[in-house]
Amino acid sequence: MNVKKAFGGFLYLLGLALGFLRPPIERLACMKIPSGEACTGINMPLLAVELGFIMAGALLMGLGHGFKNPHELNGWLGVAIGLGTAFVGGYSGIWVVFLFGVSLATLGLLVYKVGRVKHAHG
């Protein structure tokens, strides 16, 4: 197995595991709300580390795979990074990050399919 691919897979899974074990949400000090809800905030450095691991891992896995053309690589990166981002955002309840990940994965799938069709006949 390719070392670049294996290390990329490790980084990708590390980012996902970190998002699962330590979501980037933290409780903030606030006044008591009548509904009993706690005030929360986003831990931006932790979110950046988690998404950085996912992005770096997907990039290393993609570069180690050897796609036929750059469109396939870019599309695959969009899908892999989008799914990882959507998982972290959905699990932690940050819906903007979740929707960004879903949108990125959808666009990545379109680029991947168009790149394969475009270069299949050439």
Protein backbone atom coordinates (compact mmCIF):
# COMPACT_ATOMS: atom_id res chain seq x y z
CA MET A 1 0.00 0.00 0.00
CA ASN A 2 1.14 3.49 -0.79
CA VAL A 3 2.58 5.32 2.26
CA LYS A 4 1.06 8.63 1.18
CA LYS A 5 -2.38 7.00 0.93
CA ALA A 6 -2.05 5.26 4.31
CA PHE A 7 -0.93 8.41 6.12
CA GLY A 8 -3.72 10.37 4.41
CA GLY A 9 -6.26 7.80 5.56
CA PHE A 10 -4.89 8.04 9.09
CA LEU A 11 -5.19 11.85 9.08
CA TYR A 12 -8.70 11.71 7.63
CA LEU A 13 -9.88 9.21 10.23
CA LEU A 14 -8.13 11.19 12.97
CA GLY A 15 -10.08 14.31 11.96
CA LEU A 16 -13.36 12.35 11.97
CA ALA A 17 -12.58 10.70 15.31
CA LEU A 18 -11.62 14.02 16.86
CA GLY A 19 -14.91 15.50 15.61
CA PHE A 20 -16.78 12.59 17.18
CA LEU A 21 -14.90 12.45 20.49
CA ARG A 22 -14.52 16.20 21.01
CA PRO A 23 -17.08 18.22 19.03
CA PRO A 24 -16.06 21.87 18.54
CA ILE A 25 -18.90 23.14 20.75
CA GLU A 26 -18.27 24.55 24.21
CA ARG A 27 -20.55 25.75 26.94
CA LEU A 28 -20.34 29.45 27.67
CA ALA A 29 -21.02 31.25 30.89
CA CYS A 30 -24.40 32.93 30.61
CA MET A 31 -27.48 33.86 32.54
CA LYS A 32 -29.99 31.15 33.35
CA ILE A 33 -32.42 30.83 30.46
CA PRO A 34 -36.03 30.03 31.42
CA SER A 35 -36.15 27.17 28.90
CA GLY A 36 -33.19 25.50 30.61
CA GLU A 37 -30.98 25.65 27.54
CA ALA A 38 -27.29 26.34 27.97
CA CYS A 39 -25.45 28.95 25.97
CA THR A 40 -22.94 27.42 23.60
CA GLY A 41 -20.24 28.69 21.31
CA ILE A 42 -17.99 27.29 18.61
CA ASN A 43 -14.40 26.46 19.48
CA MET A 44 -12.87 27.79 16.26
CA PRO A 45 -9.29 26.51 16.76
CA LEU A 46 -10.57 22.98 17.41
CA LEU A 47 -12.88 23.15 14.38
CA ALA A 48 -9.96 24.33 12.24
CA VAL A 49 -7.78 21.44 13.45
CA GLU A 50 -10.50 18.86 12.79
CA LEU A 51 -11.27 20.17 9.31
CA GLY A 52 -7.55 20.60 8.61
CA PHE A 53 -6.91 16.92 9.37
CA ILE A 54 -9.80 15.94 7.12
CA MET A 55 -8.59 18.17 4.25
CA ALA A 56 -4.94 17.13 4.52
CA GLY A 57 -5.88 13.46 4.77
CA ALA A 58 -8.16 13.62 1.73
CA LEU A 59 -5.48 15.44 -0.25
CA LEU A 60 -2.81 12.87 0.59
CA MET A 61 -5.15 9.99 -0.22
CA GLY A 62 -6.08 11.62 -3.53
CA LEU A 63 -2.49 12.32 -4.52
CA GLY A 64 -1.52 8.75 -3.65
CA HIS A 65 -4.30 7.23 -5.76
CA GLY A 66 -3.25 8.27 -9.26
CA PHE A 67 -6.42 9.53 -10.93
CA LYS A 68 -6.61 9.65 -14.74
CA ASN A 69 -7.16 13.40 -14.95
CA PRO A 70 -7.30 16.46 -12.67
CA HIS A 71 -11.10 16.63 -12.88
CA GLU A 72 -11.43 13.24 -11.20
CA LEU A 73 -8.99 14.25 -8.46
CA ASN A 74 -10.73 17.57 -7.82
CA GLY A 75 -14.14 15.92 -7.78
CA TRP A 76 -12.98 13.19 -5.43
CA LEU A 77 -11.44 15.80 -3.11
CA GLY A 78 -14.73 17.70 -3.09
CA VAL A 79 -16.68 14.58 -2.17
CA ALA A 80 -14.24 13.37 0.49
CA ILE A 81 -13.75 16.75 2.15
CA GLY A 82 -17.46 17.57 1.86
CA LEU A 83 -18.54 14.34 3.53
CA GLY A 84 -16.03 14.77 6.35
CA THR A 85 -17.07 18.38 6.88
CA ALA A 86 -20.75 17.45 6.84
CA PHE A 87 -20.12 14.73 9.43
CA VAL A 88 -18.31 17.09 11.80
CA GLY A 89 -20.88 19.86 11.32
CA GLY A 90 -23.87 17.55 11.66
CA TYR A 91 -22.60 15.72 14.70
CA SER A 92 -21.73 18.92 16.55
CA GLY A 93 -24.91 20.72 15.51
CA ILE A 94 -23.21 23.48 13.50
CA TRP A 95 -25.68 23.53 10.63
CA VAL A 96 -23.80 26.05 8.51
CA VAL A 97 -20.76 23.75 8.44
CA PHE A 98 -23.04 20.77 7.72
CA LEU A 99 -24.71 22.51 4.77
CA PHE A 100 -21.33 23.65 3.44
CA GLY A 101 -20.10 20.04 3.55
CA VAL A 102 -23.19 18.73 1.77
CA SER A 103 -22.89 21.43 -0.92
CA LEU A 104 -19.18 20.70 -1.40
CA ALA A 105 -19.81 16.97 -1.68
CA THR A 106 -22.58 17.55 -4.24
CA LEU A 107 -20.42 19.84 -6.37
CA GLY A 108 -17.51 17.42 -6.06
CA LEU A 109 -19.67 14.56 -7.30
CA LEU A 110 -20.76 16.62 -10.31
CA VAL A 111 -17.15 17.58 -11.14
CA TYR A 112 -16.05 13.95 -10.77
CA LYS A 113 -18.77 12.65 -13.08
CA VAL A 114 -18.30 15.41 -15.68
CA GLY A 115 -14.52 14.86 -15.62
CA ARG A 116 -14.92 11.15 -16.23
CA VAL A 117 -17.39 11.62 -19.08
CA LYS A 118 -15.39 14.43 -20.67
CA HIS A 119 -12.17 12.43 -20.77
CA ALA A 120 -13.67 9.01 -21.47
CA HIS A 121 -14.15 9.74 -25.18
CA GLY A 122 -10.82 11.48 -25.72
